Amino acid sequence: MTTAPSEPRPLILVVEEETHERVFIVGHLAEAGYEVIEAEDSDTALRLVESRSELKALVTDAHVPGNIDGHELATEVRKRWPRLGVVLMSGHSDASSGPLPEGSEFVAKPHLTSRLVPALQALLGR
């Protein structure tokens, strides 16, 4: 008896400067069936997006170190790679720190465990 090949897990990039938060988010997404790579700043994140054509989505904090912040990173990714899903997250209760790029989702950090995976599923059509 042969088994059907398993579907590849969607690759997600998580950008978060706080190590403990990044580890938590990466673990949460891995448990939900995603393959996850990570970055702690926007410069590393852009290099990863440029080099990983199989990437399906970006999950970034609104305020990350680097030459651009998380809002600008989200906007740049949506502009240059419009097929990538983008989730912007923040410890604030809303996205008022900056504009949300068209076609992206916002998740407040206090609600990550209940809203992050559904937001990604909606963006990726799963």
PDB file of N, CA and C in Angstrom:
ATOM      1  N   MET A   1       0.849  -1.175   0.000  1.00  0.00           N
ATOM      2  CA  MET A   1       0.000   0.000   0.000  1.00  0.00           C
ATOM      3  C   MET A   1       0.893   1.236   0.000  1.00  0.00           C
ATOM      4  N   THR A   2       0.594   2.160  -0.883  1.00  0.00           N
ATOM      5  CA  THR A   2       1.372   3.394  -0.937  1.00  0.00           C
ATOM      6  C   THR A   2       0.579   4.510  -0.284  1.00  0.00           C
ATOM      7  N   THR A   3       1.295   5.400   0.321  1.00  0.00           N
ATOM      8  CA  THR A   3       0.629   6.543   0.942  1.00  0.00           C
ATOM      9  C   THR A   3       0.763   7.736   0.020  1.00  0.00           C
ATOM     10  N   ALA A   4      -0.244   8.561   0.027  1.00  0.00           N
ATOM     11  CA  ALA A   4      -0.229   9.766  -0.793  1.00  0.00           C
ATOM     12  C   ALA A   4       0.798  10.732  -0.214  1.00  0.00           C
ATOM     13  N   PRO A   5       1.524  11.423  -1.075  1.00  0.00           N
ATOM     14  CA  PRO A   5       2.484  12.396  -0.546  1.00  0.00           C
ATOM     15  C   PRO A   5       1.749  13.474   0.231  1.00  0.00           C
ATOM     16  N   SER A   6       2.341  13.860   1.339  1.00  0.00           N
ATOM     17  CA  SER A   6       1.698  14.904   2.144  1.00  0.00           C
ATOM     18  C   SER A   6       1.892  16.259   1.479  1.00  0.00           C
ATOM     19  N   GLU A   7       0.926  17.086   1.677  1.00  0.00           N
ATOM     20  CA  GLU A   7       0.990  18.439   1.125  1.00  0.00           C
ATOM     21  C   GLU A   7       2.053  19.225   1.879  1.00  0.00           C
ATOM     22  N   PRO A   8       2.876  20.001   1.175  1.00  0.00           N
ATOM     23  CA  PRO A   8       3.906  20.772   1.883  1.00  0.00           C
ATOM     24  C   PRO A   8       3.262  21.800   2.813  1.00  0.00           C
ATOM     25  N   ARG A   9       3.915  21.992   3.943  1.00  0.00           N
ATOM     26  CA  ARG A   9       3.400  22.976   4.897  1.00  0.00           C
ATOM     27  C   ARG A   9       3.733  24.378   4.391  1.00  0.00           C
ATOM     28  N   PRO A  10       2.778  25.309   4.441  1.00  0.00           N
ATOM     29  CA  PRO A  10       3.056  26.682   4.000  1.00  0.00           C
ATOM     30  C   PRO A  10       4.180  27.306   4.830  1.00  0.00           C
ATOM     31  N   LEU A  11       5.085  27.998   4.156  1.00  0.00           N
ATOM     32  CA  LEU A  11       6.219  28.639   4.815  1.00  0.00           C
ATOM     33  C   LEU A  11       5.845  30.064   5.222  1.00  0.00           C
ATOM     34  N   ILE A  12       6.025  30.356   6.503  1.00  0.00           N
ATOM     35  CA  ILE A  12       5.681  31.659   7.081  1.00  0.00           C
ATOM     36  C   ILE A  12       6.947  32.275   7.671  1.00  0.00           C
ATOM     37  N   LEU A  13       7.139  33.577   7.461  1.00  0.00           N
ATOM     38  CA  LEU A  13       8.234  34.322   8.079  1.00  0.00           C
ATOM     39  C   LEU A  13       7.675  35.146   9.225  1.00  0.00           C
ATOM     40  N   VAL A  14       8.220  34.940  10.420  1.00  0.00           N
ATOM     41  CA  VAL A  14       7.830  35.703  11.604  1.00  0.00           C
ATOM     42  C   VAL A  14       8.941  36.700  11.917  1.00  0.00           C
ATOM     43  N   VAL A  15       8.563  37.972  12.049  1.00  0.00           N
ATOM     44  CA  VAL A  15       9.523  39.032  12.373  1.00  0.00           C
ATOM     45  C   VAL A  15       9.121  39.632  13.715  1.00  0.00           C
ATOM     46  N   GLU A  16       9.965  39.420  14.708  1.00  0.00           N
ATOM     47  CA  GLU A  16       9.710  39.889  16.073  1.00  0.00           C
ATOM     48  C   GLU A  16      11.043  40.028  16.768  1.00  0.00           C
ATOM     49  N   GLU A  17      11.288  41.191  17.365  1.00  0.00           N
ATOM     50  CA  GLU A  17      12.584  41.427  18.001  1.00  0.00           C
ATOM     51  C   GLU A  17      12.703  40.785  19.381  1.00  0.00           C
ATOM     52  N   GLU A  18      11.607  40.614  20.086  1.00  0.00           N
ATOM     53  CA  GLU A  18      11.629  40.025  21.427  1.00  0.00           C
ATOM     54  C   GLU A  18      11.713  38.503  21.307  1.00  0.00           C
ATOM     55  N   THR A  19      12.820  37.944  21.759  1.00  0.00           N
ATOM     56  CA  THR A  19      13.071  36.512  21.578  1.00  0.00           C
ATOM     57  C   THR A  19      11.950  35.651  22.139  1.00  0.00           C
ATOM     58  N   HIS A  20      11.518  35.905  23.377  1.00  0.00           N
ATOM     59  CA  HIS A  20      10.494  35.050  23.984  1.00  0.00           C
ATOM     60  C   HIS A  20       9.171  35.111  23.220  1.00  0.00           C
ATOM     61  N   GLU A  21       8.817  36.274  22.719  1.00  0.00           N
ATOM     62  CA  GLU A  21       7.595  36.398  21.923  1.00  0.00           C
ATOM     63  C   GLU A  21       7.741  35.675  20.585  1.00  0.00           C
ATOM     64  N   ARG A  22       8.913  35.824  19.946  1.00  0.00           N
ATOM     65  CA  ARG A  22       9.151  35.169  18.659  1.00  0.00           C
ATOM     66  C   ARG A  22       9.079  33.652  18.815  1.00  0.00           C
ATOM     67  N   VAL A  23       9.706  33.119  19.861  1.00  0.00           N
ATOM     68  CA  VAL A  23       9.685  31.676  20.103  1.00  0.00           C
ATOM     69  C   VAL A  23       8.250  31.198  20.299  1.00  0.00           C
ATOM     70  N   PHE A  24       7.458  31.955  21.047  1.00  0.00           N
ATOM     71  CA  PHE A  24       6.063  31.589  21.272  1.00  0.00           C
ATOM     72  C   PHE A  24       5.281  31.568  19.960  1.00  0.00           C
ATOM     73  N   ILE A  25       5.429  32.613  19.158  1.00  0.00           N
ATOM     74  CA  ILE A  25       4.687  32.723  17.891  1.00  0.00           C
ATOM     75  C   ILE A  25       5.109  31.620  16.927  1.00  0.00           C
ATOM     76  N   VAL A  26       6.406  31.369  16.824  1.00  0.00           N
ATOM     77  CA  VAL A  26       6.913  30.312  15.948  1.00  0.00           C
ATOM     78  C   VAL A  26       6.340  28.962  16.382  1.00  0.00           C
ATOM     79  N   GLY A  27       6.348  28.686  17.676  1.00  0.00           N
ATOM     80  CA  GLY A  27       5.790  27.432  18.190  1.00  0.00           C
ATOM     81  C   GLY A  27       4.306  27.302  17.918  1.00  0.00           C
ATOM     82  N   HIS A  28       3.588  28.383  18.115  1.00  0.00           N
ATOM     83  CA  HIS A  28       2.135  28.395  17.875  1.00  0.00           C
ATOM     84  C   HIS A  28       1.837  28.090  16.407  1.00  0.00           C
ATOM     85  N   LEU A  29       2.567  28.709  15.498  1.00  0.00           N
ATOM     86  CA  LEU A  29       2.340  28.474  14.071  1.00  0.00           C
ATOM     87  C   LEU A  29       2.783  27.074  13.650  1.00  0.00           C
ATOM     88  N   ALA A  30       3.869  26.577  14.215  1.00  0.00           N
ATOM     89  CA  ALA A  30       4.322  25.220  13.903  1.00  0.00           C
ATOM     90  C   ALA A  30       3.274  24.200  14.348  1.00  0.00           C
ATOM     91  N   GLU A  31       2.703  24.405  15.530  1.00  0.00           N
ATOM     92  CA  GLU A  31       1.650  23.508  16.016  1.00  0.00           C
ATOM     93  C   GLU A  31       0.422  23.546  15.115  1.00  0.00           C
ATOM     94  N   ALA A  32       0.195  24.672  14.453  1.00  0.00           N
ATOM     95  CA  ALA A  32      -0.950  24.822  13.552  1.00  0.00           C
ATOM     96  C   ALA A  32      -0.658  24.256  12.161  1.00  0.00           C
ATOM     97  N   GLY A  33       0.555  23.733  11.951  1.00  0.00           N
ATOM     98  CA  GLY A  33       0.864  23.089  10.686  1.00  0.00           C
ATOM     99  C   GLY A  33       1.670  23.903   9.699  1.00  0.00           C
ATOM    100  N   TYR A  34       2.221  25.015  10.145  1.00  0.00           N
ATOM    101  CA  TYR A  34       3.024  25.844   9.255  1.00  0.00           C
ATOM    102  C   TYR A  34       4.509  25.547   9.443  1.00  0.00           C
ATOM    103  N   GLU A  35       5.284  25.722   8.377  1.00  0.00           N
ATOM    104  CA  GLU A  35       6.732  25.732   8.488  1.00  0.00           C
ATOM    105  C   GLU A  35       7.098  27.188   8.725  1.00  0.00           C
ATOM    106  N   VAL A  36       7.980  27.454   9.668  1.00  0.00           N
ATOM    107  CA  VAL A  36       8.242  28.838  10.066  1.00  0.00           C
ATOM    108  C   VAL A  36       9.734  29.136  10.044  1.00  0.00           C
ATOM    109  N   ILE A  37      10.066  30.287   9.462  1.00  0.00           N
ATOM    110  CA  ILE A  37      11.405  30.848   9.582  1.00  0.00           C
ATOM    111  C   ILE A  37      11.254  32.162  10.326  1.00  0.00           C
ATOM    112  N   GLU A  38      12.338  32.669  10.858  1.00  0.00           N
ATOM    113  CA  GLU A  38      12.212  33.851  11.717  1.00  0.00           C
ATOM    114  C   GLU A  38      13.316  34.861  11.495  1.00  0.00           C
ATOM    115  N   ALA A  39      12.985  36.107  11.853  1.00  0.00           N
ATOM    116  CA  ALA A  39      13.935  37.220  11.798  1.00  0.00           C
ATOM    117  C   ALA A  39      13.639  38.139  12.972  1.00  0.00           C
ATOM    118  N   GLU A  40      14.670  38.833  13.435  1.00  0.00           N
ATOM    119  CA  GLU A  40      14.462  39.767  14.549  1.00  0.00           C
ATOM    120  C   GLU A  40      14.493  41.222  14.112  1.00  0.00           C
ATOM    121  N   ASP A  41      14.721  41.465  12.811  1.00  0.00           N
ATOM    122  CA  ASP A  41      14.708  42.845  12.324  1.00  0.00           C
ATOM    123  C   ASP A  41      14.245  42.882  10.868  1.00  0.00           C
ATOM    124  N   SER A  42      13.903  44.079  10.408  1.00  0.00           N
ATOM    125  CA  SER A  42      13.346  44.229   9.061  1.00  0.00           C
ATOM    126  C   SER A  42      14.376  43.977   7.961  1.00  0.00           C
ATOM    127  N   ASP A  43      15.637  44.263   8.226  1.00  0.00           N
ATOM    128  CA  ASP A  43      16.676  44.046   7.213  1.00  0.00           C
ATOM    129  C   ASP A  43      16.834  42.549   6.909  1.00  0.00           C
ATOM    130  N   THR A  44      16.905  41.743   7.948  1.00  0.00           N
ATOM    131  CA  THR A  44      16.988  40.292   7.777  1.00  0.00           C
ATOM    132  C   THR A  44      15.726  39.772   7.117  1.00  0.00           C
ATOM    133  N   ALA A  45      14.590  40.299   7.526  1.00  0.00           N
ATOM    134  CA  ALA A  45      13.312  39.864   6.957  1.00  0.00           C
ATOM    135  C   ALA A  45      13.265  40.098   5.451  1.00  0.00           C
ATOM    136  N   LEU A  46      13.666  41.275   5.007  1.00  0.00           N
ATOM    137  CA  LEU A  46      13.655  41.553   3.565  1.00  0.00           C
ATOM    138  C   LEU A  46      14.589  40.614   2.803  1.00  0.00           C
ATOM    139  N   ARG A  47      15.757  40.333   3.366  1.00  0.00           N
ATOM    140  CA  ARG A  47      16.675  39.391   2.712  1.00  0.00           C
ATOM    141  C   ARG A  47      16.037  38.007   2.602  1.00  0.00           C
ATOM    142  N   LEU A  48      15.334  37.580   3.629  1.00  0.00           N
ATOM    143  CA  LEU A  48      14.682  36.270   3.594  1.00  0.00           C
ATOM    144  C   LEU A  48      13.544  36.238   2.577  1.00  0.00           C
ATOM    145  N   VAL A  49      12.750  37.301   2.523  1.00  0.00           N
ATOM    146  CA  VAL A  49      11.654  37.349   1.544  1.00  0.00           C
ATOM    147  C   VAL A  49      12.225  37.295   0.130  1.00  0.00           C
ATOM    148  N   GLU A  50      13.304  38.020  -0.105  1.00  0.00           N
ATOM    149  CA  GLU A  50      13.933  38.038  -1.428  1.00  0.00           C
ATOM    150  C   GLU A  50      14.506  36.673  -1.818  1.00  0.00           C
ATOM    151  N   SER A  51      14.959  35.902  -0.858  1.00  0.00           N
ATOM    152  CA  SER A  51      15.650  34.648  -1.168  1.00  0.00           C
ATOM    153  C   SER A  51      14.779  33.395  -1.063  1.00  0.00           C
ATOM    154  N   ARG A  52      13.583  33.512  -0.519  1.00  0.00           N
ATOM    155  CA  ARG A  52      12.746  32.326  -0.293  1.00  0.00           C
ATOM    156  C   ARG A  52      11.471  32.421  -1.130  1.00  0.00           C
ATOM    157  N   SER A  53      11.546  31.961  -2.361  1.00  0.00           N
ATOM    158  CA  SER A  53      10.407  32.060  -3.279  1.00  0.00           C
ATOM    159  C   SER A  53       9.209  31.233  -2.831  1.00  0.00           C
ATOM    160  N   GLU A  54       9.427  30.238  -1.977  1.00  0.00           N
ATOM    161  CA  GLU A  54       8.323  29.405  -1.504  1.00  0.00           C
ATOM    162  C   GLU A  54       7.562  30.027  -0.322  1.00  0.00           C
ATOM    163  N   LEU A  55       7.995  31.190   0.118  1.00  0.00           N
ATOM    164  CA  LEU A  55       7.347  31.874   1.231  1.00  0.00           C
ATOM    165  C   LEU A  55       5.904  32.214   0.883  1.00  0.00           C
ATOM    166  N   LYS A  56       4.999  31.945   1.823  1.00  0.00           N
ATOM    167  CA  LYS A  56       3.577  32.193   1.603  1.00  0.00           C
ATOM    168  C   LYS A  56       3.050  33.407   2.364  1.00  0.00           C
ATOM    169  N   ALA A  57       3.695  33.744   3.501  1.00  0.00           N
ATOM    170  CA  ALA A  57       3.177  34.858   4.291  1.00  0.00           C
ATOM    171  C   ALA A  57       4.250  35.435   5.209  1.00  0.00           C
ATOM    172  N   LEU A  58       4.017  36.677   5.570  1.00  0.00           N
ATOM    173  CA  LEU A  58       4.841  37.424   6.521  1.00  0.00           C
ATOM    174  C   LEU A  58       3.975  37.766   7.715  1.00  0.00           C
ATOM    175  N   VAL A  59       4.491  37.497   8.908  1.00  0.00           N
ATOM    176  CA  VAL A  59       3.847  37.919  10.153  1.00  0.00           C
ATOM    177  C   VAL A  59       4.867  38.805  10.841  1.00  0.00           C
ATOM    178  N   THR A  60       4.556  40.091  10.979  1.00  0.00           N
ATOM    179  CA  THR A  60       5.542  41.013  11.554  1.00  0.00           C
ATOM    180  C   THR A  60       4.931  41.886  12.642  1.00  0.00           C
ATOM    181  N   ASP A  61       5.753  42.156  13.636  1.00  0.00           N
ATOM    182  CA  ASP A  61       5.381  43.130  14.650  1.00  0.00           C
ATOM    183  C   ASP A  61       5.423  44.513  14.012  1.00  0.00           C
ATOM    184  N   ALA A  62       4.609  45.409  14.504  1.00  0.00           N
ATOM    185  CA  ALA A  62       4.552  46.765  13.948  1.00  0.00           C
ATOM    186  C   ALA A  62       5.837  47.544  14.198  1.00  0.00           C
ATOM    187  N   HIS A  63       6.513  47.231  15.287  1.00  0.00           N
ATOM    188  CA  HIS A  63       7.709  47.988  15.656  1.00  0.00           C
ATOM    189  C   HIS A  63       8.886  47.029  15.791  1.00  0.00           C
ATOM    190  N   VAL A  64       9.676  46.927  14.723  1.00  0.00           N
ATOM    191  CA  VAL A  64      10.865  46.079  14.741  1.00  0.00           C
ATOM    192  C   VAL A  64      12.074  46.934  14.378  1.00  0.00           C
ATOM    193  N   PRO A  65      13.253  46.547  14.847  1.00  0.00           N
ATOM    194  CA  PRO A  65      14.445  47.296  14.468  1.00  0.00           C
ATOM    195  C   PRO A  65      14.809  47.050  13.009  1.00  0.00           C
ATOM    196  N   GLY A  66      15.675  47.912  12.499  1.00  0.00           N
ATOM    197  CA  GLY A  66      16.133  47.804  11.120  1.00  0.00           C
ATOM    198  C   GLY A  66      15.969  49.138  10.423  1.00  0.00           C
ATOM    199  N   ASN A  67      16.260  49.165   9.143  1.00  0.00           N
ATOM    200  CA  ASN A  67      16.151  50.407   8.378  1.00  0.00           C
ATOM    201  C   ASN A  67      14.711  50.869   8.195  1.00  0.00           C
ATOM    202  N   ILE A  68      13.762  49.935   8.281  1.00  0.00           N
ATOM    203  CA  ILE A  68      12.340  50.290   8.219  1.00  0.00           C
ATOM    204  C   ILE A  68      11.621  49.583   9.364  1.00  0.00           C
ATOM    205  N   ASP A  69      10.491  50.123   9.802  1.00  0.00           N
ATOM    206  CA  ASP A  69       9.753  49.471  10.879  1.00  0.00           C
ATOM    207  C   ASP A  69       8.798  48.430  10.297  1.00  0.00           C
ATOM    208  N   GLY A  70       8.036  47.788  11.159  1.00  0.00           N
ATOM    209  CA  GLY A  70       7.139  46.725  10.726  1.00  0.00           C
ATOM    210  C   GLY A  70       6.050  47.173   9.775  1.00  0.00           C
ATOM    211  N   HIS A  71       5.523  48.386   9.988  1.00  0.00           N
ATOM    212  CA  HIS A  71       4.506  48.918   9.072  1.00  0.00           C
ATOM    213  C   HIS A  71       5.093  49.105   7.676  1.00  0.00           C
ATOM    214  N   GLU A  72       6.276  49.691   7.617  1.00  0.00           N
ATOM    215  CA  GLU A  72       6.924  49.898   6.319  1.00  0.00           C
ATOM    216  C   GLU A  72       7.312  48.561   5.680  1.00  0.00           C
ATOM    217  N   LEU A  73       7.731  47.611   6.488  1.00  0.00           N
ATOM    218  CA  LEU A  73       8.054  46.281   5.978  1.00  0.00           C
ATOM    219  C   LEU A  73       6.815  45.636   5.363  1.00  0.00           C
ATOM    220  N   ALA A  74       5.702  45.695   6.071  1.00  0.00           N
ATOM    221  CA  ALA A  74       4.454  45.125   5.559  1.00  0.00           C
ATOM    222  C   ALA A  74       4.057  45.783   4.240  1.00  0.00           C
ATOM    223  N   THR A  75       4.170  47.093   4.182  1.00  0.00           N
ATOM    224  CA  THR A  75       3.815  47.826   2.969  1.00  0.00           C
ATOM    225  C   THR A  75       4.738  47.451   1.811  1.00  0.00           C
ATOM    226  N   GLU A  76       6.032  47.377   2.083  1.00  0.00           N
ATOM    227  CA  GLU A  76       7.003  47.023   1.047  1.00  0.00           C
ATOM    228  C   GLU A  76       6.770  45.604   0.523  1.00  0.00           C
ATOM    229  N   VAL A  77       6.511  44.678   1.409  1.00  0.00           N
ATOM    230  CA  VAL A  77       6.263  43.296   1.000  1.00  0.00           C
ATOM    231  C   VAL A  77       4.999  43.201   0.160  1.00  0.00           C
ATOM    232  N   ARG A  78       3.935  43.869   0.569  1.00  0.00           N
ATOM    233  CA  ARG A  78       2.689  43.828  -0.214  1.00  0.00           C
ATOM    234  C   ARG A  78       2.896  44.449  -1.593  1.00  0.00           C
ATOM    235  N   LYS A  79       3.731  45.495  -1.669  1.00  0.00           N
ATOM    236  CA  LYS A  79       3.973  46.164  -2.945  1.00  0.00           C
ATOM    237  C   LYS A  79       4.828  45.292  -3.873  1.00  0.00           C
ATOM    238  N   ARG A  80       5.902  44.727  -3.337  1.00  0.00           N
ATOM    239  CA  ARG A  80       6.843  43.974  -4.160  1.00  0.00           C
ATOM    240  C   ARG A  80       6.437  42.515  -4.384  1.00  0.00           C
ATOM    241  N   TRP A  81       5.726  41.935  -3.433  1.00  0.00           N
ATOM    242  CA  TRP A  81       5.292  40.539  -3.522  1.00  0.00           C
ATOM    243  C   TRP A  81       3.798  40.466  -3.170  1.00  0.00           C
ATOM    244  N   PRO A  82       2.944  40.932  -4.054  1.00  0.00           N
ATOM    245  CA  PRO A  82       1.513  41.049  -3.724  1.00  0.00           C
ATOM    246  C   PRO A  82       0.813  39.725  -3.432  1.00  0.00           C
ATOM    247  N   ARG A  83       1.397  38.617  -3.807  1.00  0.00           N
ATOM    248  CA  ARG A  83       0.765  37.317  -3.526  1.00  0.00           C
ATOM    249  C   ARG A  83       1.025  36.835  -2.101  1.00  0.00           C
ATOM    250  N   LEU A  84       1.988  37.446  -1.409  1.00  0.00           N
ATOM    251  CA  LEU A  84       2.278  37.034  -0.038  1.00  0.00           C
ATOM    252  C   LEU A  84       1.207  37.558   0.913  1.00  0.00           C
ATOM    253  N   GLY A  85       0.765  36.701   1.803  1.00  0.00           N
ATOM    254  CA  GLY A  85      -0.121  37.155   2.870  1.00  0.00           C
ATOM    255  C   GLY A  85       0.691  37.956   3.871  1.00  0.00           C
ATOM    256  N   VAL A  86       0.099  38.990   4.448  1.00  0.00           N
ATOM    257  CA  VAL A  86       0.788  39.810   5.441  1.00  0.00           C
ATOM    258  C   VAL A  86      -0.115  40.004   6.653  1.00  0.00           C
ATOM    259  N   VAL A  87       0.431  39.659   7.816  1.00  0.00           N
ATOM    260  CA  VAL A  87      -0.248  39.916   9.084  1.00  0.00           C
ATOM    261  C   VAL A  87       0.642  40.846   9.885  1.00  0.00           C
ATOM    262  N   LEU A  88       0.079  41.970  10.275  1.00  0.00           N
ATOM    263  CA  LEU A  88       0.768  42.943  11.114  1.00  0.00           C
ATOM    264  C   LEU A  88       0.235  42.751  12.527  1.00  0.00           C
ATOM    265  N   MET A  89       1.128  42.653  13.492  1.00  0.00           N
ATOM    266  CA  MET A  89       0.687  42.469  14.878  1.00  0.00           C
ATOM    267  C   MET A  89       1.291  43.559  15.754  1.00  0.00           C
ATOM    268  N   SER A  90       0.590  43.838  16.843  1.00  0.00           N
ATOM    269  CA  SER A  90       1.054  44.871  17.761  1.00  0.00           C
ATOM    270  C   SER A  90       0.496  44.611  19.152  1.00  0.00           C
ATOM    271  N   GLY A  91       1.226  45.076  20.143  1.00  0.00           N
ATOM    272  CA  GLY A  91       0.751  44.998  21.520  1.00  0.00           C
ATOM    273  C   GLY A  91      -0.328  46.023  21.816  1.00  0.00           C
ATOM    274  N   HIS A  92      -0.541  46.934  20.866  1.00  0.00           N
ATOM    275  CA  HIS A  92      -1.607  47.925  21.016  1.00  0.00           C
ATOM    276  C   HIS A  92      -2.924  47.290  20.599  1.00  0.00           C
ATOM    277  N   SER A  93      -4.022  47.882  20.960  1.00  0.00           N
ATOM    278  CA  SER A  93      -5.320  47.273  20.696  1.00  0.00           C
ATOM    279  C   SER A  93      -5.820  47.481  19.273  1.00  0.00           C
ATOM    280  N   ASP A  94      -5.120  48.301  18.497  1.00  0.00           N
ATOM    281  CA  ASP A  94      -5.560  48.529  17.127  1.00  0.00           C
ATOM    282  C   ASP A  94      -4.359  48.821  16.235  1.00  0.00           C
ATOM    283  N   ALA A  95      -4.625  49.064  14.977  1.00  0.00           N
ATOM    284  CA  ALA A  95      -3.547  49.301  14.009  1.00  0.00           C
ATOM    285  C   ALA A  95      -3.225  50.781  13.870  1.00  0.00           C
ATOM    286  N   SER A  96      -3.494  51.577  14.893  1.00  0.00           N
ATOM    287  CA  SER A  96      -3.351  53.030  14.792  1.00  0.00           C
ATOM    288  C   SER A  96      -1.895  53.506  14.703  1.00  0.00           C
ATOM    289  N   SER A  97      -0.940  52.623  14.875  1.00  0.00           N
ATOM    290  CA  SER A  97       0.460  53.028  14.785  1.00  0.00           C
ATOM    291  C   SER A  97       0.873  53.384  13.365  1.00  0.00           C
ATOM    292  N   GLY A  98       0.079  52.997  12.415  1.00  0.00           N
ATOM    293  CA  GLY A  98       0.380  53.269  11.021  1.00  0.00           C
ATOM    294  C   GLY A  98      -0.646  52.598  10.129  1.00  0.00           C
ATOM    295  N   PRO A  99      -0.596  52.891   8.846  1.00  0.00           N
ATOM    296  CA  PRO A  99      -1.599  52.337   7.935  1.00  0.00           C
ATOM    297  C   PRO A  99      -1.372  50.846   7.678  1.00  0.00           C
ATOM    298  N   LEU A 100      -2.459  50.134   7.519  1.00  0.00           N
ATOM    299  CA  LEU A 100      -2.386  48.723   7.133  1.00  0.00           C
ATOM    300  C   LEU A 100      -2.348  48.634   5.620  1.00  0.00           C
ATOM    301  N   PRO A 101      -1.416  47.907   5.067  1.00  0.00           N
ATOM    302  CA  PRO A 101      -1.400  47.766   3.612  1.00  0.00           C
ATOM    303  C   PRO A 101      -2.664  47.035   3.148  1.00  0.00           C
ATOM    304  N   GLU A 102      -3.128  47.387   1.977  1.00  0.00           N
ATOM    305  CA  GLU A 102      -4.300  46.732   1.409  1.00  0.00           C
ATOM    306  C   GLU A 102      -4.046  45.229   1.300  1.00  0.00           C
ATOM    307  N   GLY A 103      -5.049  44.447   1.673  1.00  0.00           N
ATOM    308  CA  GLY A 103      -4.934  43.001   1.574  1.00  0.00           C
ATOM    309  C   GLY A 103      -4.212  42.343   2.735  1.00  0.00           C
ATOM    310  N   SER A 104      -3.957  43.084   3.790  1.00  0.00           N
ATOM    311  CA  SER A 104      -3.284  42.509   4.955  1.00  0.00           C
ATOM    312  C   SER A 104      -4.259  42.422   6.121  1.00  0.00           C
ATOM    313  N   GLU A 105      -3.830  41.758   7.166  1.00  0.00           N
ATOM    314  CA  GLU A 105      -4.639  41.595   8.373  1.00  0.00           C
ATOM    315  C   GLU A 105      -3.892  42.189   9.557  1.00  0.00           C
ATOM    316  N   PHE A 106      -4.641  42.620  10.575  1.00  0.00           N
ATOM    317  CA  PHE A 106      -4.055  43.104  11.823  1.00  0.00           C
ATOM    318  C   PHE A 106      -4.511  42.194  12.955  1.00  0.00           C
ATOM    319  N   VAL A 107      -3.571  41.819  13.825  1.00  0.00           N
ATOM    320  CA  VAL A 107      -3.899  41.022  15.007  1.00  0.00           C
ATOM    321  C   VAL A 107      -3.247  41.690  16.207  1.00  0.00           C
ATOM    322  N   ALA A 108      -4.058  42.020  17.206  1.00  0.00           N
ATOM    323  CA  ALA A 108      -3.532  42.572  18.451  1.00  0.00           C
ATOM    324  C   ALA A 108      -2.866  41.439  19.232  1.00  0.00           C
ATOM    325  N   LYS A 109      -1.691  41.675  19.763  1.00  0.00           N
ATOM    326  CA  LYS A 109      -0.935  40.627  20.451  1.00  0.00           C
ATOM    327  C   LYS A 109      -1.704  39.956  21.586  1.00  0.00           C
ATOM    328  N   PRO A 110      -2.534  40.662  22.320  1.00  0.00           N
ATOM    329  CA  PRO A 110      -3.271  39.922  23.358  1.00  0.00           C
ATOM    330  C   PRO A 110      -4.178  38.824  22.787  1.00  0.00           C
ATOM    331  N   HIS A 111      -4.441  38.848  21.475  1.00  0.00           N
ATOM    332  CA  HIS A 111      -5.343  37.875  20.856  1.00  0.00           C
ATOM    333  C   HIS A 111      -4.628  36.937  19.881  1.00  0.00           C
ATOM    334  N   LEU A 112      -3.302  36.843  19.981  1.00  0.00           N
ATOM    335  CA  LEU A 112      -2.548  36.036  19.020  1.00  0.00           C
ATOM    336  C   LEU A 112      -3.019  34.587  18.959  1.00  0.00           C
ATOM    337  N   THR A 113      -3.216  33.969  20.111  1.00  0.00           N
ATOM    338  CA  THR A 113      -3.541  32.546  20.093  1.00  0.00           C
ATOM    339  C   THR A 113      -4.908  32.263  19.473  1.00  0.00           C
ATOM    340  N   SER A 114      -5.805  33.199  19.523  1.00  0.00           N
ATOM    341  CA  SER A 114      -7.134  32.949  18.948  1.00  0.00           C
ATOM    342  C   SER A 114      -7.308  33.532  17.547  1.00  0.00           C
ATOM    343  N   ARG A 115      -6.494  34.502  17.165  1.00  0.00           N
ATOM    344  CA  ARG A 115      -6.736  35.187  15.883  1.00  0.00           C
ATOM    345  C   ARG A 115      -5.647  35.061  14.827  1.00  0.00           C
ATOM    346  N   LEU A 116      -4.434  34.697  15.216  1.00  0.00           N
ATOM    347  CA  LEU A 116      -3.348  34.665  14.233  1.00  0.00           C
ATOM    348  C   LEU A 116      -3.549  33.569  13.188  1.00  0.00           C
ATOM    349  N   VAL A 117      -3.806  32.350  13.610  1.00  0.00           N
ATOM    350  CA  VAL A 117      -3.982  31.251  12.657  1.00  0.00           C
ATOM    351  C   VAL A 117      -5.196  31.492  11.761  1.00  0.00           C
ATOM    352  N   PRO A 118      -6.367  31.895  12.283  1.00  0.00           N
ATOM    353  CA  PRO A 118      -7.484  32.192  11.386  1.00  0.00           C
ATOM    354  C   PRO A 118      -7.175  33.315  10.384  1.00  0.00           C
ATOM    355  N   ALA A 119      -6.400  34.318  10.802  1.00  0.00           N
ATOM    356  CA  ALA A 119      -6.030  35.394   9.875  1.00  0.00           C
ATOM    357  C   ALA A 119      -5.166  34.844   8.748  1.00  0.00           C
ATOM    358  N   LEU A 120      -4.193  33.998   9.084  1.00  0.00           N
ATOM    359  CA  LEU A 120      -3.348  33.385   8.057  1.00  0.00           C
ATOM    360  C   LEU A 120      -4.172  32.474   7.136  1.00  0.00           C
ATOM    361  N   GLN A 121      -5.050  31.695   7.723  1.00  0.00           N
ATOM    362  CA  GLN A 121      -5.896  30.808   6.905  1.00  0.00           C
ATOM    363  C   GLN A 121      -6.719  31.603   5.920  1.00  0.00           C
ATOM    364  N   ALA A 122      -7.265  32.740   6.362  1.00  0.00           N
ATOM    365  CA  ALA A 122      -8.063  33.582   5.464  1.00  0.00           C
ATOM    366  C   ALA A 122      -7.203  34.146   4.332  1.00  0.00           C
ATOM    367  N   LEU A 123      -6.002  34.587   4.674  1.00  0.00           N
ATOM    368  CA  LEU A 123      -5.115  35.160   3.663  1.00  0.00           C
ATOM    369  C   LEU A 123      -4.618  34.120   2.666  1.00  0.00           C
ATOM    370  N   LEU A 124      -4.406  32.897   3.147  1.00  0.00           N
ATOM    371  CA  LEU A 124      -3.855  31.849   2.291  1.00  0.00           C
ATOM    372  C   LEU A 124      -4.928  30.980   1.652  1.00  0.00           C
ATOM    373  N   GLY A 125      -6.181  31.241   1.973  1.00  0.00           N
ATOM    374  CA  GLY A 125      -7.273  30.501   1.364  1.00  0.00           C
ATOM    375  C   GLY A 125      -7.367  29.066   1.825  1.00  0.00           C
ATOM    376  N   ARG A 126      -6.996  28.811   3.058  1.00  0.00           N
ATOM    377  CA  ARG A 126      -7.061  27.440   3.592  1.00  0.00           C
ATOM    378  C   ARG A 126      -8.304  27.241   4.396  1.00  0.00           C
TER     379      ARG A 126
END
